[in-house]
């Protein structure tokens, strides 16, 4: 029987949210986002639907939180890979690392179950995804158009990857890197010397 006392003795809100998000990620990856429901999630974590709404919000809010948590892990890998890099090399390396992580489990299953072909508005318009793209660019001033361009490039390559990884990397160097040559001097210091925006993403998803 569902009960709201399932987390007695702990930090109820944060502990509940983490348990809910973990269960949601598993459900979405196995059954798909369309089949995912608050009732099914409540059954898995052994609480009432009201508890789900109180600690994690509705279906869309949980979706964004799950994607945000995955984005944090990707962003941390990207930061490590681009330390000391600037300009085109930074953008190409960041994109290649992000694509490799996005294609890995469990994110690939989660994202594919949540979206159709590239262009779904919830994904391209997501503040979390946009902030992630902006961080990958590493520009000192916000450039929303550049962020949206990168989101669409990454989505296209994620859905339709080249069979030859070397050819894909060459394509990134030829067509994605050059636009950022003139921005090399505006790239901020390497992540180790600047605030880690993964922390700001965590604030968004908690």
Protein backbone atom coordinates (compact mmCIF):
# COMPACT_ATOMS: atom_id res chain seq x y z
CA UNK A 1 0.00 0.00 0.00
CA UNK A 2 1.34 3.42 -0.99
CA UNK A 3 2.35 5.62 1.91
CA UNK A 4 3.94 9.03 2.34
CA UNK A 5 6.09 7.67 5.19
CA UNK A 6 8.42 5.76 2.88
CA UNK A 7 11.39 8.07 3.62
CA UNK A 8 11.13 8.66 7.36
CA UNK A 9 14.38 9.67 8.98
CA UNK A 10 15.94 11.17 5.86
CA UNK A 11 16.02 14.41 3.95
CA UNK A 12 12.63 13.61 2.51
CA UNK A 13 12.51 16.02 -0.41
CA UNK A 14 15.97 15.47 -1.92
CA UNK A 15 16.00 11.74 -1.21
CA UNK A 16 12.53 11.33 -2.67
CA UNK A 17 13.37 13.34 -5.77
CA UNK A 18 16.51 11.30 -6.44
CA UNK A 19 14.62 8.03 -6.04
CA UNK A 20 11.84 9.25 -8.30
CA UNK A 21 14.22 10.44 -11.03
CA UNK A 22 16.19 7.20 -10.98
CA UNK A 23 13.02 5.12 -11.28
CA UNK A 24 11.70 7.42 -14.00
CA UNK A 25 14.90 7.08 -16.04
CA UNK A 26 14.61 3.30 -15.84
CA UNK A 27 10.93 3.29 -16.78
CA UNK A 28 11.38 5.67 -19.69
CA UNK A 29 14.35 3.74 -21.08
CA UNK A 30 12.45 0.44 -20.92
CA UNK A 31 8.91 1.44 -21.86
CA UNK A 32 9.29 4.76 -23.68
CA UNK A 33 8.19 8.25 -22.71
CA UNK A 34 4.70 7.97 -24.22
CA UNK A 35 3.93 4.91 -22.09
CA UNK A 36 5.44 6.49 -18.98
CA UNK A 37 2.89 7.65 -16.40
CA UNK A 38 2.86 9.06 -12.88
CA UNK A 39 0.75 6.12 -11.69
CA UNK A 40 3.28 3.60 -13.04
CA UNK A 41 6.13 5.54 -11.46
CA UNK A 42 4.34 5.69 -8.10
CA UNK A 43 3.91 1.91 -8.17
CA UNK A 44 7.62 1.40 -8.78
CA UNK A 45 8.79 3.67 -5.95
CA UNK A 46 6.00 2.49 -3.62
CA UNK A 47 4.37 5.81 -2.90
CA UNK A 48 1.24 7.69 -3.90
CA UNK A 49 0.95 9.78 -7.11
CA UNK A 50 0.48 12.80 -4.86
CA UNK A 51 3.94 12.19 -3.38
CA UNK A 52 5.42 12.11 -6.88
CA UNK A 53 3.84 15.46 -7.75
CA UNK A 54 4.92 17.00 -4.45
CA UNK A 55 8.57 16.00 -4.71
CA UNK A 56 9.22 15.94 -8.47
CA UNK A 57 6.33 17.58 -10.30
CA UNK A 58 4.43 16.22 -13.27
CA UNK A 59 5.46 14.15 -16.25
CA UNK A 60 7.11 17.00 -18.18
CA UNK A 61 9.02 18.24 -15.12
CA UNK A 62 10.34 14.74 -14.43
CA UNK A 63 11.34 14.36 -18.08
CA UNK A 64 13.34 17.59 -17.96
CA UNK A 65 14.99 16.61 -14.68
CA UNK A 66 16.02 13.20 -16.03
CA UNK A 67 17.51 14.79 -19.16
CA UNK A 68 19.18 17.46 -17.02
CA UNK A 69 20.88 14.87 -14.84
CA UNK A 70 22.17 13.06 -17.91
CA UNK A 71 23.33 16.39 -19.36
CA UNK A 72 25.35 17.06 -16.21
CA UNK A 73 27.25 13.79 -16.67
CA UNK A 74 27.92 14.58 -20.32
CA UNK A 75 28.99 18.12 -19.48
CA UNK A 76 31.49 16.89 -16.92
CA UNK A 77 33.04 14.61 -19.54
CA UNK A 78 33.10 17.46 -22.04
CA UNK A 79 34.81 19.81 -19.56
CA UNK A 80 37.52 17.28 -18.92
CA UNK A 81 38.11 16.77 -22.67
CA UNK A 82 38.30 20.47 -23.62
CA UNK A 83 40.54 21.74 -20.83
CA UNK A 84 43.02 24.13 -22.42
CA UNK A 85 41.33 24.09 -25.83
CA UNK A 86 39.97 27.18 -27.59
CA UNK A 87 38.22 28.13 -30.80
CA UNK A 88 37.30 25.45 -33.37
CA UNK A 89 39.23 22.69 -31.61
CA UNK A 90 37.24 23.27 -28.44
CA UNK A 91 33.90 23.11 -30.24
CA UNK A 92 34.79 20.07 -32.36
CA UNK A 93 36.21 18.13 -29.41
CA UNK A 94 33.25 19.01 -27.20
CA UNK A 95 30.78 17.96 -29.88
CA UNK A 96 32.56 14.67 -30.53
CA UNK A 97 32.65 13.82 -26.81
CA UNK A 98 29.01 14.84 -26.32
CA UNK A 99 27.91 12.68 -29.27
CA UNK A 100 29.83 9.69 -27.98
CA UNK A 101 28.23 10.00 -24.56
CA UNK A 102 24.75 10.65 -25.98
CA UNK A 103 24.99 7.45 -27.99
CA UNK A 104 25.91 5.40 -24.93
CA UNK A 105 23.56 3.72 -22.51
CA UNK A 106 21.32 4.61 -20.77
CA UNK A 107 20.96 8.06 -22.30
CA UNK A 108 20.45 6.80 -25.85
CA UNK A 109 17.42 4.75 -24.85
CA UNK A 110 15.99 7.50 -22.67
CA UNK A 111 16.33 10.21 -25.30
CA UNK A 112 15.13 8.10 -28.20
CA UNK A 113 12.03 7.14 -26.24
CA UNK A 114 11.33 10.81 -25.46
CA UNK A 115 11.71 12.29 -28.91
CA UNK A 116 10.82 11.77 -32.51
CA UNK A 117 13.03 13.04 -35.33
CA UNK A 118 15.09 16.15 -34.55
CA UNK A 119 12.95 19.23 -34.25
CA UNK A 120 10.71 18.31 -31.35
CA UNK A 121 10.02 21.65 -29.71
CA UNK A 122 10.42 20.48 -26.12
CA UNK A 123 14.01 19.42 -26.82
CA UNK A 124 15.20 22.28 -29.03
CA UNK A 125 13.51 24.86 -26.79
CA UNK A 126 14.58 23.32 -23.49
CA UNK A 127 16.51 25.85 -21.31
CA UNK A 128 18.62 22.97 -20.00
CA UNK A 129 19.63 21.83 -23.49
CA UNK A 130 20.28 25.41 -24.60
CA UNK A 131 22.52 26.07 -21.60
CA UNK A 132 24.41 22.88 -22.35
CA UNK A 133 24.96 23.95 -25.98
CA UNK A 134 26.09 27.41 -24.89
CA UNK A 135 28.59 25.87 -22.50
CA UNK A 136 29.96 23.64 -25.26
CA UNK A 137 30.52 26.72 -27.43
CA UNK A 138 32.40 28.39 -24.58
CA UNK A 139 31.76 31.92 -25.85
CA UNK A 140 32.24 34.81 -23.46
CA UNK A 141 28.96 36.38 -24.59
CA UNK A 142 25.66 34.48 -25.04
CA UNK A 143 24.85 33.66 -28.66
CA UNK A 144 21.39 32.04 -28.82
CA UNK A 145 21.57 31.45 -32.58
CA UNK A 146 24.90 29.68 -32.28
CA UNK A 147 23.52 27.51 -29.47
CA UNK A 148 20.45 26.57 -31.51
CA UNK A 149 22.64 25.77 -34.51
CA UNK A 150 24.81 23.45 -32.41
CA UNK A 151 21.76 21.72 -30.90
CA UNK A 152 20.44 20.93 -34.37
CA UNK A 153 23.82 19.76 -35.66
CA UNK A 154 24.27 17.44 -32.69
CA UNK A 155 20.72 16.09 -32.96
CA UNK A 156 21.13 15.42 -36.67
CA UNK A 157 24.41 13.57 -36.16
CA UNK A 158 23.01 11.70 -33.20
CA UNK A 159 20.00 10.42 -35.17
CA UNK A 160 21.90 9.91 -38.42
CA UNK A 161 25.53 9.13 -37.55
CA UNK A 162 28.07 8.44 -40.25
CA UNK A 163 29.08 4.80 -40.40
CA UNK A 164 32.73 5.82 -40.51
CA UNK A 165 33.73 7.58 -37.25
CA UNK A 166 36.81 9.08 -38.90
CA UNK A 167 34.68 10.60 -41.65
CA UNK A 168 32.33 12.04 -39.04
CA UNK A 169 35.23 13.64 -37.20
CA UNK A 170 36.57 15.10 -40.45
CA UNK A 171 33.13 16.53 -41.17
CA UNK A 172 33.05 18.20 -37.75
CA UNK A 173 36.45 19.77 -38.41
CA UNK A 174 35.51 21.02 -41.87
CA UNK A 175 32.01 22.31 -41.30
CA UNK A 176 31.48 22.85 -37.57
CA UNK A 177 34.84 24.23 -36.46
CA UNK A 178 35.57 27.07 -38.94
CA UNK A 179 32.75 29.43 -37.81
CA UNK A 180 34.42 29.73 -34.41
CA UNK A 181 37.89 30.74 -35.61
CA UNK A 182 37.13 34.43 -35.08
CA UNK A 183 35.78 33.69 -31.61
CA UNK A 184 38.95 32.07 -30.31
CA UNK A 185 39.98 35.10 -28.29
CA UNK A 186 36.55 35.36 -26.69
CA UNK A 187 36.70 31.83 -25.28
CA UNK A 188 36.81 32.02 -21.46
CA UNK A 189 39.52 30.26 -19.42
CA UNK A 190 39.53 26.48 -19.30
CA UNK A 191 36.89 24.94 -17.00
CA UNK A 192 39.47 24.35 -14.29
CA UNK A 193 39.98 28.11 -13.99
CA UNK A 194 36.36 29.17 -14.38
CA UNK A 195 33.06 28.37 -12.64
CA UNK A 196 31.86 24.92 -13.62
CA UNK A 197 28.51 25.33 -15.34
CA UNK A 198 27.67 21.75 -14.44
CA UNK A 199 26.94 23.23 -11.02
CA UNK A 200 24.45 25.66 -12.54
CA UNK A 201 22.81 22.80 -14.41
CA UNK A 202 22.48 20.93 -11.13
CA UNK A 203 20.69 23.96 -9.67
CA UNK A 204 18.28 23.86 -12.60
CA UNK A 205 17.43 20.20 -12.12
CA UNK A 206 17.00 20.24 -8.33
